Amino acid sequence: MLSKIILSLSILLLVASNTFSQNQNKYKWWNPALNEFTVIDGQAWPGETEAAYDRLPAKAKTEVREAVWNLSKNTAGIKIRFRSTASEIKIHYKVNGGLNMPHMPTTGVSGVDLYAKNSDGSWLWCKGRYAFGDTITYNFSDITPDNQYGHNKGQEYHLYLPLYNSVNWLEIGVPEDALFEPIPVRKEKPIVVYGTSIAQGGCASRPGMGWTNILERKMDRPLINLAFSGNGRLEQEVNELLSEIDAKVYILDCLPNLTLGKVYTSDDVFKKIVESVHLLRSKVNTPILLVEHAGYGNASSNKDLFESINLLNKTLQKAFAQLKAEGIQNLFLLSQNELGLDFEDFVDGTHPNDLGMNKYALAYEKKLREILNEPVGNLSTTKPVTQAREPQRYNWEARHNKLLELNKNTPPKICFFGNSITHYWGGLPRAPISNGPESWETYLGDLNVQNFGYGWDRVENVLWRIYHDELDGFAASQVLFMLGTNNLHLNTNEEIIEGLNMCIQAVKQRQPHAKITLIGIYPRRENEERVAEINLKISQLAGLQNVSYINIGGVLLNEDGTINESYFRDGLHPNEKGYSLLGPLLRAHLLNK
C-alpha cells in the first residue's frame, strides 16, 4: 500500500515537474526523487523510506518516539551529487516546516548549499542568490566550468539540503545545452552519527557549515546523520537501527540531551552508555567513538551548569573505563578538551556558530584519522584526494566502486596499484582501452592479479583509494605499486617518496600479511634521467621499509639510456610489445615471493 501511494505521488510530481519546466526558458529540470538509480546521499535505508528525503526507514515510524520520527524527516546530512558543465545552476524546492528560528538563520534552517570538486579533487564553494517563499529558489551563477584537462565533462557538485526542515519536492535546473549527469550514491562504508541538535546542525549559517557536513568533506567519506534535536537520548530502538548500518565507525554524541537532574541521574546516563555499547558490540565489531559534552558558552558564568557538564563527562569516562575493563575492543573516547570549544564558539550558549562547528569538525577529523589509520601530511602527495582528469574516457568513481564489488565477490591475491600504465595494460576491472591484453593474460592471468590502476592517478589519489576501503575485507598475498610518473612535473623526488611511504604504511595497517613490492617507474621520453634518479630513491625507501623493490623498466631502454620508441605508444605508455617484455619479469618476481 505504501509503495502504491509513493508511486502515485511520484507520478503527480513528475507531471508537475514537466508542467513547470515548460515555463522555464531554455532550462532543463531534474527531480532527484524520480531518478532511475539512487542519488540521494546520506540515507542508510535507500528505497525504504516513507518520503523521498527521510532519514529513517518507514518501519521506524512504529518503533521510535513520535518526536524522533518527526525530526527524521529533516534533511540534515542529505545531499545530491551531479556532474555538469553549466555556468549557472538553479534550484527550486518546497519545505514543510517554518523557514527559520530565532537563533538560526533561514539559510541554515531551510536553505541549500552547493559545493563543487574540480578535476584534481579540490573543494570549491558556490555562492547562490536566494529567495524564500512558498517555493524557495536558489540561483548559482557565474560558475567557471572546470576544463583544465581539456575534457567536456565539467565538474562534480554536492548539493546539501536543509538542516532543520523537510523537503517536499526539489528540482535542479541547468541550461539546455549544458551537460548534466546525476551521480549514484557512494559505496564506501559511512561514518554514522547519533546525536543531538548540535550534530543535526544547529546553529550553522548554512547547511555546508554543519559540523557533520564539514567532517564529511574533510574525510571525503559518506556520512549518515542520525541526530535529532532535543531527542538524542541513546534509546534502544535507535541503537537497534544503527546496528543495521554497515558503518565504518559509529559516533555516539548524545550527552547534551541527557541533562542531569531534570530527567536523568548519573546512574541513568551510565546505564544508557553501557547498554548502547553492549547492543552495538553484540552485533558488529565496528569502531565506536563516545563523545564528551563539549560544554556550553555560558558555563563559564554559571557554576551549576559547569558542574553538571563536568559530572556528565565523568560519568561517560566511568562508563568508558568499565567497558574497556570488560574487554570491549574498538572503543574510543573524544574528550571535552580535545573538542576545544570556548564561549566565543556559540550562538546562544548552547548551539555552535560556524566557528564552533569548524572546531567540532577538526576535532572529529583528528580523532577519526587516528582510529581509522588515515593520517594526512602537509605535502600534496600526502593529502588523499579523488580525481577526474579524464572522465571522457572512464569514470574514476565507478571504477572504484567496481573494485569494491570485485574485492567482495572475488577477492584477489595480488593487488597491482598504478596509473594509466597499469590501468590500460589489461585484466579486471576492464578498461576502456587495453594496450597489452595478451601479455597480461599470458603472464598474470593465472595468478589472480587484480588491476588497481587508474588513468591519470598520482600518489595522493592512490592514498585516497587505500583509505577508502580498496584493501579492506579480504587477505591479499601481495600488493604492488608502480607509481609516481604523474607527479614528476609537479613534485620533487623527496615529495613523491614521502607520498609512497604513506601508501606503504597504509597497506601495512590494512594488509599486515601481504608482501609489498615497489616497482621502479618505467622510463619515459625525455625524462629518462629523472626517472633513474627517483628510482634510486624508491629503492632506498624499499630498503628502509623492509619491502621489495624491482626495476623492470630497463628492458624498454636503448643502450644509450633513451627509451626504445618501438616499445611505446606515445613515449609513456608501453604497447603490446613493451608489455610482453615487462610481463615475464614481473611474473618471475611474483612467483618468487
Protein backbone atom coordinates (compact mmCIF):
# COMPACT_ATOMS: atom_id res chain seq x y z
CA MET A 1 0.00 0.00 0.00
CA LEU A 2 2.79 2.42 0.96
CA SER A 3 4.66 1.77 -2.30
CA LYS A 4 1.46 2.45 -4.32
CA ILE A 5 0.95 5.76 -2.53
CA ILE A 6 4.57 6.78 -3.15
CA LEU A 7 4.26 5.80 -6.83
CA SER A 8 1.10 7.88 -7.21
CA LEU A 9 2.74 10.87 -5.57
CA SER A 10 5.81 10.42 -7.79
CA ILE A 11 3.61 10.48 -10.92
CA LEU A 12 1.92 13.66 -9.73
CA LEU A 13 5.30 15.25 -9.02
CA LEU A 14 6.55 14.24 -12.45
CA VAL A 15 3.53 15.83 -14.11
CA ALA A 16 4.03 18.98 -12.03
CA SER A 17 7.72 18.95 -12.89
CA ASN A 18 7.09 18.69 -16.60
CA THR A 19 4.45 21.44 -16.48
CA PHE A 20 6.80 23.76 -14.60
CA SER A 21 9.66 23.01 -16.98
CA GLN A 22 7.65 24.23 -19.96
CA ASN A 23 7.60 27.68 -18.40
CA GLN A 24 11.36 27.87 -17.93
CA ASN A 25 13.17 29.41 -20.88
CA LYS A 26 15.98 27.22 -22.19
CA TYR A 27 16.41 25.27 -18.94
CA LYS A 28 16.09 21.55 -18.30
CA TRP A 29 14.97 20.40 -14.87
CA TRP A 30 15.70 17.22 -12.92
CA ASN A 31 13.95 15.74 -9.89
CA PRO A 32 16.36 13.56 -7.83
CA ALA A 33 13.50 11.64 -6.21
CA LEU A 34 12.42 10.33 -9.61
CA ASN A 35 15.83 9.29 -10.90
CA GLU A 36 16.16 5.75 -12.27
CA PHE A 37 19.01 4.94 -9.83
CA THR A 38 19.53 6.10 -6.24
CA VAL A 39 21.15 9.52 -5.98
CA ILE A 40 20.09 10.71 -2.52
CA ASP A 41 23.28 10.55 -0.44
CA GLY A 42 23.18 10.38 3.35
CA GLN A 43 20.43 7.79 3.69
CA ALA A 44 21.14 4.45 5.36
CA TRP A 45 17.92 2.86 4.08
CA PRO A 46 17.54 3.98 0.44
CA GLY A 47 14.28 2.84 -1.09
CA GLU A 48 12.79 2.02 2.33
CA THR A 49 11.67 5.50 3.43
CA GLU A 50 8.15 6.87 3.67
CA ALA A 51 9.10 10.07 1.82
CA ALA A 52 11.94 10.59 -0.63
CA TYR A 53 14.28 12.55 1.66
CA ASP A 54 13.57 10.93 5.06
CA ARG A 55 16.48 9.79 7.23
CA LEU A 56 14.83 6.77 8.89
CA PRO A 57 13.11 3.82 7.17
CA ALA A 58 9.31 3.66 7.07
CA LYS A 59 9.29 0.77 9.56
CA ALA A 60 10.78 3.08 12.22
CA LYS A 61 7.52 5.04 12.42
CA THR A 62 6.13 2.44 14.83
CA GLU A 63 9.45 1.79 16.59
CA VAL A 64 10.77 5.20 17.64
CA ARG A 65 9.13 8.01 19.62
CA GLU A 66 6.96 10.43 17.62
CA ALA A 67 9.40 13.30 18.22
CA VAL A 68 12.29 11.27 16.78
CA TRP A 69 10.18 10.20 13.80
CA ASN A 70 9.14 13.78 13.01
CA LEU A 71 12.73 15.03 13.26
CA SER A 72 13.93 12.22 11.00
CA LYS A 73 12.10 13.98 8.19
CA ASN A 74 14.50 16.93 8.47
CA THR A 75 17.11 16.56 5.75
CA ALA A 76 20.26 17.13 7.83
CA GLY A 77 23.16 15.32 6.17
CA ILE A 78 21.22 14.61 2.96
CA LYS A 79 22.82 15.72 -0.28
CA ILE A 80 22.57 15.25 -4.04
CA ARG A 81 25.60 14.82 -6.30
CA PHE A 82 25.77 15.52 -10.02
CA ARG A 83 28.21 16.48 -12.76
CA SER A 84 27.64 19.46 -15.03
CA THR A 85 29.29 21.91 -17.40
CA ALA A 86 26.76 24.61 -16.53
CA SER A 87 27.89 28.13 -15.65
CA GLU A 88 24.55 28.67 -13.92
CA ILE A 89 22.62 26.20 -11.76
CA LYS A 90 19.13 26.81 -10.40
CA ILE A 91 17.41 25.04 -7.52
CA HIS A 92 13.76 25.33 -6.58
CA TYR A 93 12.03 23.36 -3.87
CA LYS A 94 9.32 23.36 -1.22
CA VAL A 95 9.71 22.64 2.51
CA ASN A 96 7.10 21.54 5.01
CA GLY A 97 8.06 23.49 8.13
CA GLY A 98 8.81 27.02 9.30
CA LEU A 99 11.56 28.77 7.41
CA ASN A 100 13.68 29.92 10.35
CA MET A 101 14.17 30.05 14.11
CA PRO A 102 15.02 33.00 16.40
CA HIS A 103 18.58 31.79 16.92
CA MET A 104 19.24 30.21 13.49
CA PRO A 105 19.05 31.93 10.10
CA THR A 106 16.74 30.93 7.29
CA THR A 107 19.70 29.86 5.17
CA GLY A 108 20.68 27.29 7.80
CA VAL A 109 17.20 26.05 8.72
CA SER A 110 15.72 25.88 5.22
CA GLY A 111 18.45 26.75 2.72
CA VAL A 112 20.58 24.60 0.45
CA ASP A 113 24.33 24.80 -0.10
CA LEU A 114 26.31 24.00 -3.25
CA TYR A 115 29.91 22.79 -3.28
CA ALA A 116 31.98 21.55 -6.21
CA LYS A 117 35.01 19.34 -6.75
CA ASN A 118 37.36 20.10 -9.60
CA SER A 119 39.27 17.53 -11.67
CA ASP A 120 42.10 17.40 -9.10
CA GLY A 121 39.70 16.70 -6.23
CA SER A 122 39.89 20.17 -4.64
CA TRP A 123 36.77 21.51 -2.94
CA LEU A 124 35.13 24.73 -4.19
CA TRP A 125 32.13 26.67 -2.85
CA CYS A 126 29.44 28.28 -4.99
CA LYS A 127 27.62 31.45 -4.00
CA GLY A 128 23.89 31.49 -4.60
CA ARG A 129 21.22 34.20 -4.70
CA TYR A 130 18.14 33.02 -2.85
CA ALA A 131 14.51 33.90 -2.29
CA PHE A 132 12.39 32.28 0.41
CA GLY A 133 8.67 31.90 -0.06
CA ASP A 134 6.11 29.19 -0.70
CA THR A 135 8.63 27.89 -3.24
CA ILE A 136 12.28 28.51 -2.33
CA THR A 137 14.71 29.36 -5.14
CA TYR A 138 18.49 29.45 -5.33
CA ASN A 139 20.39 30.71 -8.36
CA PHE A 140 24.09 29.83 -8.53
CA SER A 141 25.58 31.90 -11.35
CA ASP A 142 28.97 32.95 -12.72
CA ILE A 143 30.40 29.45 -12.16
CA THR A 144 33.60 28.80 -14.09
CA PRO A 145 33.38 25.28 -15.55
CA ASP A 146 36.45 23.11 -14.99
CA ASN A 147 38.21 22.39 -18.29
CA GLN A 148 41.85 22.38 -17.18
CA TYR A 149 42.40 18.89 -18.63
CA GLY A 150 40.55 19.55 -21.87
CA HIS A 151 37.60 17.26 -21.23
CA ASN A 152 33.97 18.27 -21.69
CA LYS A 153 32.57 16.77 -18.51
CA GLY A 154 32.57 19.84 -16.25
CA GLN A 155 32.92 19.19 -12.54
CA GLU A 156 31.24 17.34 -9.69
CA TYR A 157 28.69 19.14 -7.50
CA HIS A 158 27.39 18.37 -4.00
CA LEU A 159 24.08 19.98 -3.04
CA TYR A 160 23.44 19.89 0.72
CA LEU A 161 19.77 20.01 1.74
CA PRO A 162 18.28 21.96 4.70
CA LEU A 163 19.42 21.14 8.22
CA TYR A 164 16.17 21.79 10.08
CA ASN A 165 13.40 21.35 7.55
CA SER A 166 11.91 18.58 5.45
CA VAL A 167 11.89 18.80 1.67
CA ASN A 168 8.58 18.13 -0.05
CA TRP A 169 9.93 18.30 -3.59
CA LEU A 170 13.08 19.64 -5.25
CA GLU A 171 14.33 20.21 -8.78
CA ILE A 172 17.71 21.19 -10.21
CA GLY A 173 17.87 23.17 -13.44
CA VAL A 174 20.69 23.85 -15.88
CA PRO A 175 20.76 25.45 -19.35
CA GLU A 176 19.53 23.09 -22.07
CA ASP A 177 22.93 22.98 -23.78
CA ALA A 178 24.82 22.10 -20.57
CA LEU A 179 25.85 18.58 -19.67
CA PHE A 180 24.04 17.21 -16.61
CA GLU A 181 24.75 13.76 -15.14
CA PRO A 182 23.37 12.50 -11.81
CA ILE A 183 25.96 10.62 -9.70
CA PRO A 184 24.93 7.43 -7.89
CA VAL A 185 25.30 7.15 -4.12
CA ARG A 186 28.74 6.17 -2.89
CA LYS A 187 29.62 2.61 -1.92
CA GLU A 188 32.16 3.11 0.88
CA LYS A 189 31.17 2.37 4.45
CA PRO A 190 29.77 5.53 6.07
CA ILE A 191 30.52 7.39 9.28
CA VAL A 192 27.33 7.13 11.35
CA VAL A 193 26.49 9.90 13.83
CA TYR A 194 23.85 9.57 16.56
CA GLY A 195 23.50 12.92 18.26
CA THR A 196 21.55 16.00 19.31
CA SER A 197 20.58 19.37 17.86
CA ILE A 198 24.27 20.26 17.61
CA ALA A 199 25.03 17.33 15.31
CA GLN A 200 21.81 17.99 13.39
CA GLY A 201 23.32 21.36 12.52
CA GLY A 202 22.07 23.96 15.00
CA CYS A 203 23.03 26.78 14.57
CA ALA A 204 25.07 26.74 11.35
CA SER A 205 24.58 29.65 8.98
CA ARG A 206 24.12 27.31 6.01
CA PRO A 207 23.93 23.52 5.54
CA GLY A 208 27.55 23.06 4.47
CA MET A 209 28.69 24.52 7.78
CA GLY A 210 27.05 21.90 9.99
CA TRP A 211 29.96 20.04 11.60
CA THR A 212 28.88 16.69 10.22
CA ASN A 213 28.89 18.10 6.68
CA ILE A 214 32.29 19.73 7.22
CA LEU A 215 33.59 16.41 8.54
CA GLU A 216 32.11 14.54 5.60
CA ARG A 217 34.07 16.77 3.22
CA LYS A 218 37.29 16.58 5.22
CA MET A 219 37.19 12.79 5.48
CA ASP A 220 35.66 12.59 1.98
CA ARG A 221 33.56 9.68 3.15
CA PRO A 222 29.78 9.11 3.22
CA LEU A 223 28.19 10.17 6.49
CA ILE A 224 24.80 9.24 7.93
CA ASN A 225 23.39 11.95 10.19
CA LEU A 226 21.00 10.46 12.76
CA ALA A 227 20.94 13.48 15.06
CA PHE A 228 17.60 14.57 16.46
CA SER A 229 17.22 17.98 18.08
CA GLY A 230 16.49 17.57 21.79
CA ASN A 231 15.99 13.85 21.28
CA GLY A 232 19.41 12.25 21.00
CA ARG A 233 18.97 10.09 24.07
CA LEU A 234 20.81 6.80 23.40
CA GLU A 235 17.50 4.98 23.07
CA GLN A 236 17.45 1.25 22.40
CA GLU A 237 15.16 1.47 19.38
CA VAL A 238 17.51 3.95 17.68
CA ASN A 239 20.57 1.90 18.61
CA GLU A 240 18.89 -1.13 17.02
CA LEU A 241 18.51 0.84 13.81
CA LEU A 242 22.15 1.97 13.98
CA SER A 243 23.28 -1.65 14.19
CA GLU A 244 21.65 -2.36 10.81
CA ILE A 245 24.07 0.02 9.08
CA ASP A 246 27.34 -1.39 7.74
CA ALA A 247 29.31 1.52 9.18
CA LYS A 248 32.97 2.48 9.11
CA VAL A 249 32.62 3.99 12.59
CA TYR A 250 29.78 4.85 14.98
CA ILE A 251 29.78 8.20 16.78
CA LEU A 252 27.62 8.48 19.92
CA ASP A 253 27.39 12.18 20.82
CA CYS A 254 24.25 12.41 22.98
CA LEU A 255 25.33 13.84 26.33
CA PRO A 256 23.83 17.32 25.73
CA ASN A 257 20.35 15.70 25.67
CA LEU A 258 20.94 13.63 28.82
CA THR A 259 20.64 16.54 31.23
CA LEU A 260 21.25 15.58 34.85
CA GLY A 261 18.71 16.48 37.50
CA LYS A 262 15.69 17.21 35.30
CA VAL A 263 15.15 13.76 33.78
CA TYR A 264 18.24 11.64 34.31
CA THR A 265 20.55 10.76 37.16
CA SER A 266 24.21 9.99 36.58
CA ASP A 267 23.35 6.30 37.12
CA ASP A 268 20.75 6.55 34.34
CA VAL A 269 23.28 8.06 31.96
CA PHE A 270 25.91 5.50 32.91
CA LYS A 271 23.45 2.68 32.20
CA LYS A 272 22.42 4.16 28.85
CA ILE A 273 26.04 4.46 27.69
CA VAL A 274 26.95 0.91 28.72
CA GLU A 275 23.79 -0.62 27.24
CA SER A 276 24.24 1.27 23.97
CA VAL A 277 27.79 -0.02 23.53
CA HIS A 278 26.79 -3.55 24.53
CA LEU A 279 23.96 -3.56 22.00
CA LEU A 280 26.13 -2.37 19.13
CA ARG A 281 29.04 -4.60 20.05
CA SER A 282 26.76 -7.66 20.25
CA LYS A 283 26.02 -7.22 16.55
CA VAL A 284 29.07 -5.60 14.95
CA ASN A 285 32.77 -5.05 15.66
CA THR A 286 32.77 -1.59 14.10
CA PRO A 287 34.74 1.13 15.97
CA ILE A 288 32.59 3.13 18.40
CA LEU A 289 33.50 6.68 19.42
CA LEU A 290 31.97 8.02 22.65
CA VAL A 291 31.98 11.80 22.91
CA GLU A 292 32.05 14.01 25.97
CA HIS A 293 29.88 17.09 26.34
CA ALA A 294 31.72 19.96 24.64
CA GLY A 295 30.38 22.44 27.17
CA TYR A 296 28.13 25.48 26.81
CA GLY A 297 29.13 29.07 26.26
CA ASN A 298 27.53 30.29 29.48
CA ALA A 299 29.05 27.52 31.63
CA SER A 300 31.91 29.92 32.35
CA SER A 301 29.48 32.17 34.25
CA ASN A 302 27.10 29.50 35.58
CA LYS A 303 28.69 27.33 38.24
CA ASP A 304 25.81 24.84 38.48
CA LEU A 305 25.83 24.30 34.71
CA PHE A 306 29.60 23.89 34.71
CA GLU A 307 29.43 21.26 37.45
CA SER A 308 26.56 19.41 35.74
CA ILE A 309 28.53 19.16 32.48
CA ASN A 310 31.60 18.07 34.40
CA LEU A 311 29.61 15.32 36.15
CA LEU A 312 28.17 14.15 32.81
CA ASN A 313 31.67 13.84 31.38
CA LYS A 314 32.92 12.00 34.45
CA THR A 315 30.00 9.59 34.07
CA LEU A 316 31.00 8.94 30.45
CA GLN A 317 34.61 8.41 31.50
CA LYS A 318 33.49 5.92 34.16
CA ALA A 319 31.36 4.00 31.63
CA PHE A 320 34.22 4.02 29.12
CA ALA A 321 36.64 2.65 31.75
CA GLN A 322 34.23 -0.14 32.71
CA LEU A 323 33.61 -1.12 29.08
CA LYS A 324 37.35 -1.25 28.41
CA ALA A 325 37.83 -3.33 31.56
CA GLU A 326 35.22 -5.75 30.23
CA GLY A 327 37.43 -6.25 27.19
CA ILE A 328 35.36 -4.24 24.72
CA GLN A 329 37.60 -3.60 21.72
CA ASN A 330 37.48 -0.83 19.13
CA LEU A 331 36.06 1.63 21.66
CA PHE A 332 37.33 5.21 21.76
CA LEU A 333 36.65 8.49 23.55
CA LEU A 334 36.73 12.11 22.37
CA SER A 335 37.17 14.43 25.32
CA GLN A 336 35.90 17.93 26.03
CA ASN A 337 39.47 19.20 25.97
CA GLU A 338 40.02 17.67 22.52
CA LEU A 339 36.87 19.35 21.21
CA GLY A 340 38.28 22.63 22.47
CA LEU A 341 35.27 24.95 22.33
CA ASP A 342 35.01 28.17 24.34
CA PHE A 343 32.30 30.81 24.84
CA GLU A 344 33.13 32.56 21.53
CA ASP A 345 32.02 29.45 19.64
CA PHE A 346 28.29 29.63 20.43
CA VAL A 347 25.21 31.46 19.16
CA ASP A 348 23.02 31.12 22.24
CA GLY A 349 25.36 29.46 24.71
CA THR A 350 24.16 26.00 23.61
CA HIS A 351 24.49 25.73 19.84
CA PRO A 352 27.75 26.41 17.98
CA ASN A 353 28.16 29.18 15.45
CA ASP A 354 30.19 28.47 12.30
CA LEU A 355 33.45 28.91 14.21
CA GLY A 356 32.33 26.33 16.77
CA MET A 357 31.11 23.99 14.05
CA ASN A 358 34.51 24.07 12.40
CA LYS A 359 36.22 23.33 15.74
CA TYR A 360 33.93 20.34 16.19
CA ALA A 361 34.77 19.05 12.72
CA LEU A 362 38.53 19.50 13.15
CA ALA A 363 38.50 17.65 16.48
CA TYR A 364 36.46 14.82 14.99
CA GLU A 365 38.69 14.60 11.93
CA LYS A 366 41.82 14.32 14.07
CA LYS A 367 40.30 11.59 16.24
CA LEU A 368 38.82 9.62 13.35
CA ARG A 369 42.08 9.68 11.41
CA GLU A 370 43.74 8.13 14.46
CA ILE A 371 41.03 5.49 14.80
CA LEU A 372 40.88 4.62 11.09
CA ASN A 373 44.63 4.91 10.46
CA GLU A 374 44.20 7.65 7.86
CA PRO A 375 46.93 10.22 8.56
CA VAL A 376 47.30 13.29 6.36
CA GLY A 377 50.53 15.16 5.75
CA ASN A 378 51.38 18.70 4.65
CA LEU A 379 52.64 17.86 1.15
CA SER A 380 50.28 17.45 -1.80
CA THR A 381 51.43 13.83 -2.16
CA THR A 382 50.37 13.09 1.41
CA LYS A 383 46.87 14.58 1.20
CA PRO A 384 44.48 11.91 -0.09
CA VAL A 385 42.15 13.21 -2.83
CA THR A 386 39.97 11.95 -5.64
CA GLN A 387 40.48 12.95 -9.27
CA ALA A 388 38.55 13.17 -12.55
CA ARG A 389 41.21 14.15 -15.07
CA GLU A 390 39.90 12.11 -17.99
CA PRO A 391 36.19 11.48 -17.36
CA GLN A 392 35.58 11.37 -21.09
CA ARG A 393 37.48 8.06 -21.14
CA TYR A 394 36.43 6.40 -17.88
CA ASN A 395 34.54 7.12 -14.67
CA TRP A 396 37.04 7.20 -11.78
CA GLU A 397 34.45 6.69 -9.04
CA ALA A 398 32.67 3.94 -10.98
CA ARG A 399 35.97 2.08 -11.29
CA HIS A 400 36.50 2.46 -7.54
CA ASN A 401 33.00 1.09 -6.88
CA LYS A 402 33.63 -1.83 -9.24
CA LEU A 403 36.84 -2.71 -7.41
CA LEU A 404 34.99 -2.70 -4.08
CA GLU A 405 32.46 -5.07 -5.61
CA LEU A 406 35.12 -7.38 -7.07
CA ASN A 407 37.04 -7.43 -3.79
CA LYS A 408 33.89 -8.59 -2.02
CA ASN A 409 32.77 -11.18 -4.57
CA THR A 410 36.09 -12.46 -5.98
CA PRO A 411 38.90 -11.34 -3.65
CA PRO A 412 42.27 -11.03 -5.39
CA LYS A 413 45.54 -12.49 -4.16
CA ILE A 414 47.70 -9.84 -5.82
CA CYS A 415 46.72 -6.14 -5.92
CA PHE A 416 48.55 -4.11 -8.58
CA PHE A 417 48.24 -0.35 -7.87
CA GLY A 418 49.21 2.13 -10.54
CA ASN A 419 48.17 4.77 -13.04
CA SER A 420 47.19 4.54 -16.72
CA ILE A 421 50.28 2.45 -17.49
CA THR A 422 48.83 -0.31 -15.31
CA HIS A 423 45.16 0.54 -15.94
CA TYR A 424 45.48 0.17 -19.72
CA TRP A 425 47.60 -2.97 -19.65
CA GLY A 426 44.77 -5.49 -19.14
CA GLY A 427 42.95 -7.59 -16.55
CA LEU A 428 39.96 -6.69 -14.38
CA PRO A 429 38.15 -4.38 -13.97
CA ARG A 430 38.00 -3.93 -17.75
CA ALA A 431 39.44 -0.67 -19.05
CA PRO A 432 38.07 1.36 -21.99
CA ILE A 433 41.29 0.61 -23.85
CA SER A 434 43.82 -2.16 -23.40
CA ASN A 435 47.35 -1.85 -24.74
CA GLY A 436 48.63 -5.26 -23.69
CA PRO A 437 45.76 -7.69 -23.03
CA GLU A 438 47.58 -10.73 -24.43
CA SER A 439 50.69 -10.26 -22.32
CA TRP A 440 48.58 -9.63 -19.19
CA GLU A 441 46.66 -12.83 -19.78
CA THR A 442 49.81 -14.80 -20.60
CA TYR A 443 51.94 -13.71 -17.65
CA LEU A 444 49.46 -12.59 -14.97
CA GLY A 445 46.15 -14.20 -15.88
CA ASP A 446 46.61 -17.33 -13.76
CA LEU A 447 47.99 -15.54 -10.68
CA ASN A 448 44.75 -13.85 -9.53
CA VAL A 449 46.18 -10.38 -10.10
CA GLN A 450 43.62 -7.57 -9.92
CA ASN A 451 44.27 -4.33 -11.76
CA PHE A 452 44.16 -1.41 -9.31
CA GLY A 453 45.49 1.05 -11.89
CA TYR A 454 43.57 4.25 -12.67
CA GLY A 455 44.36 6.53 -15.59
CA TRP A 456 45.94 9.85 -14.52
CA ASP A 457 46.34 8.76 -10.89
CA ARG A 458 49.00 10.38 -8.76
CA VAL A 459 50.39 9.10 -5.48
CA GLU A 460 47.83 11.07 -3.44
CA ASN A 461 44.95 9.54 -5.41
CA VAL A 462 46.14 6.01 -4.63
CA LEU A 463 46.44 7.00 -0.96
CA TRP A 464 42.79 8.09 -1.05
CA ARG A 465 41.76 4.77 -2.56
CA ILE A 466 43.59 2.75 0.09
CA TYR A 467 41.94 4.87 2.80
CA HIS A 468 38.56 4.32 1.16
CA ASP A 469 38.28 0.57 1.51
CA GLU A 470 40.08 -0.81 -1.57
CA LEU A 471 42.18 -3.10 0.64
CA ASP A 472 39.52 -3.86 3.26
CA GLY A 473 37.66 -7.09 3.88
CA PHE A 474 39.98 -9.65 2.29
CA ALA A 475 43.51 -11.03 2.68
CA ALA A 476 45.93 -10.34 -0.17
CA SER A 477 49.23 -12.18 -0.52
CA GLN A 478 50.97 -9.36 -2.42
CA VAL A 479 50.49 -5.64 -3.06
CA LEU A 480 52.40 -3.95 -5.89
CA PHE A 481 52.98 -0.26 -6.57
CA MET A 482 54.17 1.31 -9.81
CA LEU A 483 53.52 4.96 -9.02
CA GLY A 484 54.84 8.46 -9.35
CA THR A 485 55.17 9.22 -13.04
CA ASN A 486 52.16 11.60 -12.96
CA ASN A 487 53.76 13.52 -10.09
CA LEU A 488 57.08 14.17 -11.83
CA HIS A 489 56.05 17.54 -13.29
CA LEU A 490 54.55 18.75 -10.00
CA ASN A 491 56.63 17.35 -7.16
CA THR A 492 60.21 16.83 -6.12
CA ASN A 493 61.62 13.35 -5.75
CA GLU A 494 61.50 13.76 -1.98
CA GLU A 495 57.80 14.72 -2.05
CA ILE A 496 56.95 11.70 -4.19
CA ILE A 497 58.89 9.41 -1.85
CA GLU A 498 57.02 10.81 1.16
CA GLY A 499 53.70 10.01 -0.51
CA LEU A 500 54.84 6.50 -1.42
CA ASN A 501 55.94 5.96 2.15
CA MET A 502 52.45 6.86 3.39
CA CYS A 503 50.98 4.37 0.90
CA ILE A 504 53.26 1.65 2.29
CA GLN A 505 52.20 2.42 5.87
CA ALA A 506 48.54 2.37 4.85
CA VAL A 507 48.95 -1.08 3.28
CA LYS A 508 50.76 -2.42 6.34
CA GLN A 509 47.81 -1.35 8.52
CA ARG A 510 45.20 -2.97 6.26
CA GLN A 511 47.07 -5.98 4.85
CA PRO A 512 49.64 -6.85 7.53
CA HIS A 513 50.48 -10.24 5.99
CA ALA A 514 50.84 -9.09 2.39
CA LYS A 515 54.25 -8.82 0.74
CA ILE A 516 54.73 -5.29 -0.64
CA THR A 517 56.73 -4.57 -3.79
CA LEU A 518 57.70 -1.15 -5.13
CA ILE A 519 58.25 -1.27 -8.88
CA GLY A 520 60.55 1.36 -10.33
CA ILE A 521 58.85 3.95 -12.54
CA TYR A 522 59.06 2.89 -16.18
CA PRO A 523 61.23 5.15 -18.36
CA ARG A 524 59.52 7.89 -20.38
CA ARG A 525 60.59 10.03 -23.30
CA GLU A 526 62.85 12.98 -22.36
CA ASN A 527 62.62 12.05 -18.67
CA GLU A 528 64.97 9.07 -18.58
CA GLU A 529 67.49 10.74 -16.28
CA ARG A 530 64.85 11.99 -13.82
CA VAL A 531 63.25 8.54 -13.72
CA ALA A 532 66.62 6.93 -12.95
CA GLU A 533 67.16 9.40 -10.10
CA ILE A 534 63.82 8.80 -8.44
CA ASN A 535 64.06 5.04 -8.90
CA LEU A 536 67.24 5.10 -6.84
CA LYS A 537 65.31 6.84 -4.08
CA ILE A 538 62.41 4.38 -4.41
CA SER A 539 64.86 1.51 -3.96
CA GLN A 540 66.26 3.20 -0.85
CA LEU A 541 62.73 3.65 0.53
CA ALA A 542 62.05 -0.05 -0.03
CA GLY A 543 65.14 -0.92 1.97
CA LEU A 544 64.17 1.37 4.84
CA GLN A 545 60.65 -0.04 4.99
CA ASN A 546 61.72 -3.66 4.55
CA VAL A 547 59.68 -4.16 1.37
CA SER A 548 60.76 -5.46 -2.04
CA TYR A 549 61.95 -3.37 -4.97
CA ILE A 550 62.28 -4.34 -8.62
CA ASN A 551 63.23 -2.23 -11.60
CA ILE A 552 62.00 -3.98 -14.71
CA GLY A 553 61.67 -0.89 -16.90
CA GLY A 554 65.25 -1.18 -18.11
CA VAL A 555 64.11 -3.60 -20.83
CA LEU A 556 62.38 -0.66 -22.52
CA LEU A 557 65.63 1.31 -22.96
CA ASN A 558 68.20 1.52 -25.72
CA GLU A 559 71.87 1.02 -24.93
CA ASP A 560 72.35 4.80 -24.68
CA GLY A 561 69.72 5.03 -21.91
CA THR A 562 66.93 6.54 -24.01
CA ILE A 563 63.62 4.80 -24.44
CA ASN A 564 63.18 2.38 -27.32
CA GLU A 565 60.28 4.01 -29.14
CA SER A 566 59.22 0.70 -30.68
CA TYR A 567 58.08 -0.46 -27.24
CA PHE A 568 55.81 2.56 -26.62
CA ARG A 569 52.58 4.00 -27.94
CA ASP A 570 53.43 7.60 -27.07
CA GLY A 571 56.73 7.72 -25.20
CA LEU A 572 54.97 6.99 -21.91
CA HIS A 573 52.58 4.05 -22.28
CA PRO A 574 54.04 0.73 -23.43
CA ASN A 575 52.45 -1.06 -26.36
CA GLU A 576 51.84 -4.81 -26.56
CA LYS A 577 55.47 -5.37 -27.49
CA GLY A 578 56.66 -3.41 -24.47
CA TYR A 579 54.26 -5.13 -22.09
CA SER A 580 55.39 -8.50 -23.46
CA LEU A 581 58.90 -7.65 -22.22
CA LEU A 582 57.69 -6.47 -18.80
CA GLY A 583 55.30 -9.37 -18.25
CA PRO A 584 57.76 -12.25 -17.78
CA LEU A 585 59.98 -10.19 -15.47
CA LEU A 586 57.04 -9.26 -13.27
CA ARG A 587 55.77 -12.84 -13.28
CA ALA A 588 59.13 -14.21 -12.19
CA HIS A 589 59.18 -11.80 -9.23
CA LEU A 590 55.63 -12.67 -8.18
CA LEU A 591 56.31 -16.39 -8.26
CA ASN A 592 59.40 -15.95 -6.11
CA LYS A 593 57.59 -14.10 -3.30
